[in-house]
N, C-alpha and C. Protein backbone atom coordinates (compact mmCIF):
# COMPACT_ATOMS: atom_id res chain seq x y z
N MET A 1 26.29 9.31 -29.43
CA MET A 1 26.78 8.21 -28.64
C MET A 1 26.32 8.39 -27.20
N VAL A 2 25.80 7.31 -26.62
CA VAL A 2 25.33 7.33 -25.24
C VAL A 2 26.49 6.99 -24.32
N PRO A 3 26.77 7.85 -23.35
CA PRO A 3 27.88 7.53 -22.44
C PRO A 3 27.52 6.33 -21.57
N GLN A 4 28.49 5.53 -21.29
CA GLN A 4 28.29 4.38 -20.41
C GLN A 4 28.90 4.67 -19.06
N VAL A 5 28.21 4.23 -18.05
CA VAL A 5 28.70 4.38 -16.69
C VAL A 5 29.00 2.99 -16.17
N VAL A 6 30.17 2.80 -15.69
CA VAL A 6 30.55 1.51 -15.13
C VAL A 6 30.72 1.67 -13.64
N LEU A 7 29.98 0.87 -12.90
CA LEU A 7 30.09 0.89 -11.44
C LEU A 7 30.86 -0.33 -10.99
N THR A 8 31.74 -0.11 -10.09
CA THR A 8 32.47 -1.23 -9.53
C THR A 8 32.04 -1.38 -8.08
N VAL A 9 31.33 -2.47 -7.81
CA VAL A 9 30.88 -2.75 -6.45
C VAL A 9 31.15 -4.22 -6.16
N SER A 10 31.27 -4.53 -4.91
CA SER A 10 31.48 -5.92 -4.54
C SER A 10 30.21 -6.72 -4.83
N LYS A 11 30.33 -8.03 -4.94
CA LYS A 11 29.19 -8.90 -5.19
C LYS A 11 28.17 -8.76 -4.06
N HIS A 12 28.67 -8.66 -2.81
CA HIS A 12 27.79 -8.51 -1.65
C HIS A 12 26.97 -7.22 -1.76
N THR A 13 27.63 -6.11 -2.09
CA THR A 13 26.95 -4.83 -2.22
C THR A 13 25.91 -4.89 -3.33
N PHE A 14 26.25 -5.52 -4.45
CA PHE A 14 25.33 -5.65 -5.57
C PHE A 14 24.06 -6.39 -5.14
N TYR A 15 24.23 -7.54 -4.51
CA TYR A 15 23.06 -8.32 -4.11
C TYR A 15 22.26 -7.63 -3.01
N THR A 16 22.94 -6.93 -2.11
CA THR A 16 22.24 -6.19 -1.07
C THR A 16 21.39 -5.10 -1.70
N ARG A 17 21.97 -4.36 -2.67
CA ARG A 17 21.21 -3.29 -3.34
C ARG A 17 20.08 -3.88 -4.18
N LEU A 18 20.33 -5.02 -4.81
CA LEU A 18 19.30 -5.66 -5.60
C LEU A 18 18.14 -6.09 -4.71
N ALA A 19 18.46 -6.69 -3.56
CA ALA A 19 17.42 -7.12 -2.63
C ALA A 19 16.64 -5.91 -2.10
N THR A 20 17.36 -4.82 -1.79
CA THR A 20 16.70 -3.60 -1.32
C THR A 20 15.78 -3.05 -2.40
N CYS A 21 16.25 -3.06 -3.63
CA CYS A 21 15.45 -2.58 -4.75
C CYS A 21 14.17 -3.41 -4.89
N HIS A 22 14.30 -4.73 -4.79
CA HIS A 22 13.13 -5.59 -4.88
C HIS A 22 12.18 -5.36 -3.71
N LEU A 23 12.73 -5.16 -2.51
CA LEU A 23 11.91 -4.91 -1.33
C LEU A 23 11.14 -3.59 -1.48
N VAL A 24 11.83 -2.55 -1.96
CA VAL A 24 11.16 -1.26 -2.18
C VAL A 24 10.07 -1.42 -3.23
N HIS A 25 10.37 -2.14 -4.31
CA HIS A 25 9.37 -2.37 -5.35
C HIS A 25 8.19 -3.15 -4.79
N PHE A 26 8.47 -4.14 -3.94
CA PHE A 26 7.40 -4.94 -3.31
C PHE A 26 6.53 -4.05 -2.44
N ARG A 27 7.16 -3.16 -1.65
CA ARG A 27 6.38 -2.26 -0.80
C ARG A 27 5.52 -1.33 -1.64
N ILE A 28 6.07 -0.81 -2.72
CA ILE A 28 5.31 0.06 -3.60
C ILE A 28 4.15 -0.71 -4.21
N SER A 29 4.41 -1.96 -4.62
CA SER A 29 3.35 -2.79 -5.20
C SER A 29 2.24 -3.03 -4.19
N LEU A 30 2.61 -3.31 -2.93
CA LEU A 30 1.59 -3.52 -1.89
C LEU A 30 0.77 -2.26 -1.66
N ARG A 31 1.45 -1.10 -1.63
CA ARG A 31 0.72 0.15 -1.46
C ARG A 31 -0.23 0.39 -2.62
N GLN A 32 0.24 0.09 -3.83
CA GLN A 32 -0.61 0.27 -5.00
C GLN A 32 -1.83 -0.64 -4.93
N MET A 33 -1.60 -1.92 -4.54
CA MET A 33 -2.72 -2.86 -4.42
C MET A 33 -3.70 -2.37 -3.36
N GLU A 34 -3.16 -1.87 -2.24
CA GLU A 34 -4.02 -1.39 -1.16
C GLU A 34 -4.84 -0.19 -1.65
N SER A 35 -4.17 0.73 -2.36
CA SER A 35 -4.92 1.90 -2.82
C SER A 35 -5.91 1.53 -3.91
N ASP A 36 -5.59 0.56 -4.74
CA ASP A 36 -6.53 0.11 -5.77
C ASP A 36 -7.60 -0.80 -5.18
N ASN A 37 -7.30 -1.37 -4.00
CA ASN A 37 -8.20 -2.31 -3.34
C ASN A 37 -8.71 -3.38 -4.31
N LEU A 38 -7.77 -3.91 -5.05
CA LEU A 38 -8.05 -5.03 -5.94
C LEU A 38 -9.21 -4.76 -6.88
N GLY A 39 -9.27 -3.54 -7.40
CA GLY A 39 -10.28 -3.21 -8.38
C GLY A 39 -11.64 -2.86 -7.80
N LEU A 40 -11.72 -2.55 -6.53
CA LEU A 40 -13.00 -2.19 -5.92
C LEU A 40 -13.49 -0.85 -6.45
N THR A 41 -14.78 -0.71 -6.58
CA THR A 41 -15.36 0.57 -6.96
C THR A 41 -15.13 1.57 -5.84
N LYS A 42 -15.29 2.86 -6.15
CA LYS A 42 -15.08 3.87 -5.11
C LYS A 42 -16.11 3.71 -3.98
N GLN A 43 -17.30 3.23 -4.31
CA GLN A 43 -18.32 3.01 -3.28
C GLN A 43 -17.90 1.87 -2.35
N ARG A 44 -17.40 0.77 -2.93
CA ARG A 44 -16.94 -0.35 -2.10
C ARG A 44 -15.72 0.04 -1.28
N ARG A 45 -14.84 0.84 -1.86
CA ARG A 45 -13.66 1.32 -1.11
C ARG A 45 -14.11 2.17 0.08
N ALA A 46 -15.13 3.01 -0.12
CA ALA A 46 -15.62 3.85 0.97
C ALA A 46 -16.22 2.99 2.09
N VAL A 47 -17.02 1.99 1.73
CA VAL A 47 -17.63 1.10 2.73
C VAL A 47 -16.54 0.33 3.46
N LEU A 48 -15.56 -0.19 2.74
CA LEU A 48 -14.45 -0.91 3.37
C LEU A 48 -13.68 0.00 4.32
N ARG A 49 -13.45 1.22 3.91
CA ARG A 49 -12.74 2.18 4.77
C ARG A 49 -13.51 2.43 6.05
N VAL A 50 -14.83 2.61 5.94
CA VAL A 50 -15.66 2.84 7.13
C VAL A 50 -15.52 1.68 8.11
N ILE A 51 -15.61 0.46 7.61
CA ILE A 51 -15.51 -0.72 8.49
C ILE A 51 -14.12 -0.82 9.12
N ARG A 52 -13.08 -0.67 8.30
CA ARG A 52 -11.71 -0.83 8.80
C ARG A 52 -11.31 0.26 9.78
N GLU A 53 -11.90 1.45 9.67
CA GLU A 53 -11.52 2.55 10.56
C GLU A 53 -12.36 2.61 11.82
N SER A 54 -13.37 1.78 11.92
CA SER A 54 -14.26 1.82 13.08
C SER A 54 -13.76 0.88 14.18
N ASP A 55 -13.88 1.36 15.41
CA ASP A 55 -13.57 0.52 16.56
C ASP A 55 -14.81 -0.25 17.03
N GLU A 56 -15.93 -0.01 16.35
CA GLU A 56 -17.20 -0.62 16.74
C GLU A 56 -17.64 -1.64 15.68
N HIS A 57 -18.63 -2.41 16.02
CA HIS A 57 -19.29 -3.32 15.09
C HIS A 57 -20.52 -2.57 14.58
N LEU A 58 -20.46 -2.10 13.36
CA LEU A 58 -21.49 -1.21 12.82
C LEU A 58 -22.63 -1.97 12.17
N THR A 59 -23.82 -1.40 12.26
CA THR A 59 -24.97 -1.91 11.51
C THR A 59 -24.87 -1.34 10.09
N ALA A 60 -25.69 -1.85 9.18
CA ALA A 60 -25.71 -1.33 7.81
C ALA A 60 -26.09 0.15 7.80
N ASN A 61 -27.02 0.54 8.65
CA ASN A 61 -27.42 1.96 8.72
C ASN A 61 -26.26 2.84 9.17
N GLU A 62 -25.50 2.37 10.16
CA GLU A 62 -24.36 3.15 10.64
C GLU A 62 -23.27 3.24 9.57
N VAL A 63 -23.05 2.15 8.85
CA VAL A 63 -22.08 2.17 7.75
C VAL A 63 -22.55 3.18 6.69
N PHE A 64 -23.83 3.16 6.38
CA PHE A 64 -24.40 4.08 5.40
C PHE A 64 -24.17 5.53 5.81
N GLU A 65 -24.47 5.87 7.06
CA GLU A 65 -24.31 7.26 7.53
C GLU A 65 -22.85 7.70 7.44
N ARG A 66 -21.92 6.82 7.80
CA ARG A 66 -20.50 7.18 7.75
C ARG A 66 -19.98 7.21 6.31
N ALA A 67 -20.47 6.31 5.47
CA ALA A 67 -20.05 6.29 4.07
C ALA A 67 -20.54 7.55 3.36
N ARG A 68 -21.71 8.07 3.74
CA ARG A 68 -22.23 9.31 3.14
C ARG A 68 -21.34 10.50 3.44
N GLN A 69 -20.60 10.43 4.54
CA GLN A 69 -19.66 11.51 4.85
C GLN A 69 -18.48 11.48 3.86
N LEU A 70 -18.14 10.29 3.37
CA LEU A 70 -17.06 10.15 2.39
C LEU A 70 -17.55 10.36 0.96
N LEU A 71 -18.73 9.83 0.66
CA LEU A 71 -19.35 9.94 -0.67
C LEU A 71 -20.81 10.37 -0.48
N PRO A 72 -21.07 11.66 -0.48
CA PRO A 72 -22.42 12.15 -0.18
C PRO A 72 -23.54 11.56 -1.04
N GLY A 73 -23.25 11.15 -2.25
CA GLY A 73 -24.30 10.64 -3.12
C GLY A 73 -24.54 9.14 -3.05
N ILE A 74 -23.86 8.46 -2.14
CA ILE A 74 -23.98 6.99 -2.08
C ILE A 74 -25.38 6.60 -1.59
N ALA A 75 -25.94 5.57 -2.20
CA ALA A 75 -27.28 5.10 -1.85
C ALA A 75 -27.20 3.97 -0.83
N PHE A 76 -28.27 3.84 -0.05
CA PHE A 76 -28.31 2.76 0.95
C PHE A 76 -28.18 1.39 0.29
N ALA A 77 -28.87 1.19 -0.83
CA ALA A 77 -28.80 -0.11 -1.53
C ALA A 77 -27.38 -0.42 -1.96
N THR A 78 -26.63 0.60 -2.37
CA THR A 78 -25.23 0.41 -2.77
C THR A 78 -24.39 -0.01 -1.57
N VAL A 79 -24.63 0.62 -0.43
CA VAL A 79 -23.90 0.26 0.79
C VAL A 79 -24.23 -1.18 1.18
N TYR A 80 -25.51 -1.52 1.16
CA TYR A 80 -25.94 -2.87 1.53
C TYR A 80 -25.32 -3.92 0.60
N ASN A 81 -25.37 -3.66 -0.70
CA ASN A 81 -24.76 -4.60 -1.66
C ASN A 81 -23.25 -4.66 -1.52
N SER A 82 -22.64 -3.54 -1.19
CA SER A 82 -21.18 -3.51 -0.97
C SER A 82 -20.80 -4.33 0.26
N LEU A 83 -21.60 -4.21 1.32
CA LEU A 83 -21.34 -5.01 2.53
C LEU A 83 -21.41 -6.50 2.21
N ARG A 84 -22.42 -6.90 1.46
CA ARG A 84 -22.55 -8.31 1.08
C ARG A 84 -21.35 -8.76 0.24
N TYR A 85 -20.96 -7.94 -0.73
CA TYR A 85 -19.81 -8.26 -1.59
C TYR A 85 -18.52 -8.38 -0.77
N LEU A 86 -18.26 -7.40 0.08
CA LEU A 86 -17.03 -7.39 0.88
C LEU A 86 -16.98 -8.57 1.84
N LYS A 87 -18.13 -8.95 2.40
CA LYS A 87 -18.20 -10.12 3.27
C LYS A 87 -17.92 -11.39 2.48
N ASN A 88 -18.54 -11.52 1.31
CA ASN A 88 -18.34 -12.71 0.48
C ASN A 88 -16.90 -12.84 -0.03
N GLU A 89 -16.23 -11.70 -0.20
CA GLU A 89 -14.83 -11.70 -0.64
C GLU A 89 -13.86 -11.89 0.54
N GLY A 90 -14.38 -11.96 1.76
CA GLY A 90 -13.54 -12.17 2.93
C GLY A 90 -12.79 -10.93 3.39
N LEU A 91 -13.26 -9.75 3.01
CA LEU A 91 -12.59 -8.51 3.39
C LEU A 91 -13.12 -7.92 4.68
N ILE A 92 -14.34 -8.32 5.07
CA ILE A 92 -14.92 -7.89 6.35
C ILE A 92 -15.63 -9.09 6.96
N GLY A 93 -15.88 -9.01 8.26
CA GLY A 93 -16.63 -10.05 8.94
C GLY A 93 -18.07 -9.62 9.16
N GLU A 94 -18.92 -10.61 9.38
CA GLU A 94 -20.33 -10.35 9.65
C GLU A 94 -20.69 -11.05 10.95
N VAL A 95 -21.32 -10.32 11.84
CA VAL A 95 -21.76 -10.88 13.12
C VAL A 95 -23.28 -10.85 13.10
N ARG A 96 -23.90 -12.02 13.15
CA ARG A 96 -25.36 -12.10 13.09
C ARG A 96 -25.91 -12.50 14.45
N PHE A 97 -26.94 -11.78 14.87
CA PHE A 97 -27.64 -12.09 16.12
C PHE A 97 -29.11 -12.22 15.79
N GLY A 98 -29.52 -13.42 15.47
CA GLY A 98 -30.89 -13.64 15.05
C GLY A 98 -31.07 -13.27 13.59
N ALA A 99 -32.31 -13.31 13.14
CA ALA A 99 -32.60 -13.09 11.73
C ALA A 99 -32.49 -11.62 11.33
N ASP A 100 -32.73 -10.71 12.26
CA ASP A 100 -32.84 -9.30 11.89
C ASP A 100 -31.68 -8.42 12.35
N CYS A 101 -30.71 -8.97 13.02
CA CYS A 101 -29.64 -8.13 13.55
C CYS A 101 -28.28 -8.58 13.02
N THR A 102 -27.69 -7.74 12.20
CA THR A 102 -26.38 -8.02 11.64
C THR A 102 -25.48 -6.81 11.86
N ARG A 103 -24.26 -7.08 12.27
CA ARG A 103 -23.25 -6.04 12.43
C ARG A 103 -22.04 -6.46 11.62
N TYR A 104 -21.20 -5.50 11.30
CA TYR A 104 -20.04 -5.77 10.45
C TYR A 104 -18.77 -5.51 11.23
N ASP A 105 -17.78 -6.35 10.97
CA ASP A 105 -16.58 -6.45 11.80
C ASP A 105 -15.33 -6.38 10.94
N ARG A 106 -14.35 -5.61 11.39
CA ARG A 106 -13.08 -5.54 10.66
C ARG A 106 -12.15 -6.70 11.03
N THR A 107 -12.43 -7.37 12.14
CA THR A 107 -11.60 -8.48 12.58
C THR A 107 -12.03 -9.75 11.85
N LEU A 108 -11.09 -10.35 11.13
CA LEU A 108 -11.42 -11.52 10.32
C LEU A 108 -11.07 -12.85 10.98
N LYS A 109 -10.14 -12.81 11.93
CA LYS A 109 -9.78 -14.08 12.58
C LYS A 109 -10.86 -14.49 13.56
N ARG A 110 -10.89 -15.79 13.91
CA ARG A 110 -11.89 -16.32 14.83
C ARG A 110 -11.82 -15.59 16.16
N HIS A 111 -12.96 -15.12 16.60
CA HIS A 111 -13.06 -14.48 17.92
C HIS A 111 -14.50 -14.55 18.39
N ASP A 112 -14.69 -14.21 19.63
CA ASP A 112 -16.00 -14.30 20.27
C ASP A 112 -16.50 -12.90 20.60
N HIS A 113 -17.72 -12.81 21.11
CA HIS A 113 -18.32 -11.51 21.39
C HIS A 113 -19.09 -11.51 22.71
N ALA A 114 -19.22 -10.31 23.26
CA ALA A 114 -20.13 -10.05 24.38
C ALA A 114 -21.06 -8.94 23.92
N ILE A 115 -22.35 -9.10 24.20
CA ILE A 115 -23.35 -8.11 23.78
C ILE A 115 -24.20 -7.71 24.98
N CYS A 116 -24.45 -6.41 25.09
CA CYS A 116 -25.27 -5.89 26.18
C CYS A 116 -26.74 -6.03 25.83
N ASN A 117 -27.50 -6.59 26.76
CA ASN A 117 -28.94 -6.77 26.56
C ASN A 117 -29.72 -5.46 26.56
N ASP A 118 -29.16 -4.42 27.19
CA ASP A 118 -29.88 -3.14 27.26
C ASP A 118 -29.54 -2.21 26.09
N CYS A 119 -28.26 -1.90 25.92
CA CYS A 119 -27.89 -0.90 24.92
C CYS A 119 -27.42 -1.50 23.59
N GLY A 120 -27.18 -2.81 23.57
CA GLY A 120 -26.75 -3.47 22.34
C GLY A 120 -25.27 -3.35 22.04
N ARG A 121 -24.50 -2.78 22.96
CA ARG A 121 -23.06 -2.66 22.75
C ARG A 121 -22.46 -4.04 22.53
N LEU A 122 -21.55 -4.12 21.56
CA LEU A 122 -20.94 -5.39 21.18
C LEU A 122 -19.43 -5.24 21.26
N VAL A 123 -18.77 -6.13 21.98
CA VAL A 123 -17.31 -6.09 22.09
C VAL A 123 -16.72 -7.44 21.72
N ASP A 124 -15.49 -7.39 21.23
CA ASP A 124 -14.77 -8.61 20.88
C ASP A 124 -14.16 -9.25 22.12
N LEU A 125 -14.14 -10.57 22.11
CA LEU A 125 -13.47 -11.36 23.15
C LEU A 125 -12.57 -12.36 22.45
N GLU A 126 -11.41 -12.60 23.02
CA GLU A 126 -10.56 -13.67 22.51
C GLU A 126 -10.52 -14.75 23.57
N LEU A 127 -11.23 -15.83 23.31
CA LEU A 127 -11.31 -16.94 24.24
C LEU A 127 -10.72 -18.18 23.61
N ALA A 128 -10.01 -18.93 24.40
CA ALA A 128 -9.53 -20.23 23.93
C ALA A 128 -10.66 -21.24 24.12
N ILE A 129 -11.06 -21.87 23.04
CA ILE A 129 -12.15 -22.84 23.10
C ILE A 129 -11.53 -24.24 23.20
N PRO A 130 -11.77 -24.94 24.31
CA PRO A 130 -11.19 -26.28 24.46
C PRO A 130 -11.73 -27.25 23.40
N ASP A 131 -10.86 -28.10 22.88
CA ASP A 131 -11.27 -29.10 21.89
C ASP A 131 -12.41 -29.97 22.40
N GLU A 132 -12.40 -30.28 23.68
CA GLU A 132 -13.44 -31.13 24.25
C GLU A 132 -14.82 -30.48 24.13
N LEU A 133 -14.88 -29.16 24.27
CA LEU A 133 -16.16 -28.45 24.14
C LEU A 133 -16.69 -28.58 22.70
N ILE A 134 -15.81 -28.45 21.73
CA ILE A 134 -16.21 -28.60 20.32
C ILE A 134 -16.70 -30.03 20.06
N LYS A 135 -15.98 -31.02 20.57
CA LYS A 135 -16.38 -32.42 20.39
C LYS A 135 -17.73 -32.69 21.05
N GLN A 136 -17.92 -32.15 22.24
CA GLN A 136 -19.18 -32.36 22.96
C GLN A 136 -20.34 -31.71 22.20
N ALA A 137 -20.14 -30.51 21.69
CA ALA A 137 -21.19 -29.83 20.92
C ALA A 137 -21.51 -30.62 19.65
N ALA A 138 -20.49 -31.17 19.02
CA ALA A 138 -20.71 -31.97 17.80
C ALA A 138 -21.49 -33.25 18.12
N ARG A 139 -21.14 -33.91 19.23
CA ARG A 139 -21.85 -35.13 19.63
C ARG A 139 -23.32 -34.84 19.91
N ARG A 140 -23.57 -33.80 20.67
CA ARG A 140 -24.96 -33.49 21.07
C ARG A 140 -25.81 -33.03 19.88
N SER A 141 -25.21 -32.32 18.95
CA SER A 141 -25.98 -31.80 17.82
C SER A 141 -25.99 -32.73 16.62
N LYS A 142 -25.03 -33.67 16.63
CA LYS A 142 -24.83 -34.57 15.49
C LYS A 142 -24.39 -33.80 14.23
N TYR A 143 -23.81 -32.62 14.45
CA TYR A 143 -23.27 -31.81 13.35
C TYR A 143 -21.79 -32.13 13.18
N GLU A 144 -21.32 -31.98 11.97
CA GLU A 144 -19.88 -32.04 11.69
C GLU A 144 -19.33 -30.68 12.10
N PRO A 145 -18.38 -30.64 13.05
CA PRO A 145 -17.91 -29.34 13.54
C PRO A 145 -17.11 -28.58 12.47
N GLY A 146 -17.45 -27.31 12.33
CA GLY A 146 -16.71 -26.42 11.44
C GLY A 146 -16.04 -25.34 12.25
N SER A 147 -16.83 -24.65 13.05
CA SER A 147 -16.29 -23.62 13.95
C SER A 147 -17.26 -23.46 15.11
N ILE A 148 -16.78 -22.80 16.12
CA ILE A 148 -17.63 -22.52 17.28
C ILE A 148 -17.33 -21.10 17.73
N GLU A 149 -18.40 -20.39 18.06
CA GLU A 149 -18.26 -19.02 18.52
C GLU A 149 -19.07 -18.86 19.79
N VAL A 150 -18.52 -18.11 20.72
CA VAL A 150 -19.19 -17.87 21.99
C VAL A 150 -19.73 -16.44 22.00
N THR A 151 -20.98 -16.28 22.42
CA THR A 151 -21.56 -14.96 22.60
C THR A 151 -22.04 -14.85 24.04
N LEU A 152 -21.43 -13.95 24.77
CA LEU A 152 -21.83 -13.68 26.15
C LEU A 152 -22.86 -12.56 26.11
N ARG A 153 -24.01 -12.81 26.69
CA ARG A 153 -25.06 -11.79 26.75
C ARG A 153 -25.24 -11.39 28.20
N GLY A 154 -25.41 -10.10 28.41
CA GLY A 154 -25.57 -9.58 29.77
C GLY A 154 -25.60 -8.07 29.75
N LEU A 155 -25.18 -7.46 30.82
CA LEU A 155 -25.16 -6.01 30.93
C LEU A 155 -23.72 -5.49 30.90
N CYS A 156 -23.49 -4.49 30.06
CA CYS A 156 -22.16 -3.88 29.99
C CYS A 156 -21.94 -3.05 31.26
N PRO A 157 -20.71 -2.64 31.53
CA PRO A 157 -20.44 -1.88 32.75
C PRO A 157 -21.26 -0.58 32.85
N GLU A 158 -21.50 0.10 31.73
CA GLU A 158 -22.26 1.35 31.77
C GLU A 158 -23.73 1.09 32.12
N CYS A 159 -24.33 0.05 31.57
CA CYS A 159 -25.75 -0.25 31.85
C CYS A 159 -25.94 -0.88 33.22
N LYS A 160 -24.92 -1.58 33.69
CA LYS A 160 -24.99 -2.22 35.00
C LYS A 160 -25.04 -1.17 36.08
N GLY A 161 -24.43 -0.01 35.78
CA GLY A 161 -24.56 1.12 36.68
C GLY A 161 -23.54 1.14 37.72
């Protein structure tokens, strides 16, 4: 015979404990999802970790070098394909400067950038873009506006001297 335990608690205490139990379960579920990274391969998890832990906007080569520290056998093609996959899935941002220059960004919300013409340093800027500027750009280009990003080019404080 299995002994039965009867607990006597108020309705308020029961619901409070039930809500706490659900909250703890929810937190555990979120941690599990984060650690599983929604089914990402270990290579994609390593690339995502490199991007998320960096304070810089990394090139594919820089991501590769840092990912090799986590997974020594990772190939450049795997890193490159992982970057494309993570960008397409909306897990990382991509900052393109011309046809040949791409950097990867952990910040996913709309923001702007400043880039140094000498050293290539890239920093995030949060600028409020007036609606009138977007309308004017749309009128002049005859494009349907989707988004607008500002890139300030010049010399960073270190290069300016």
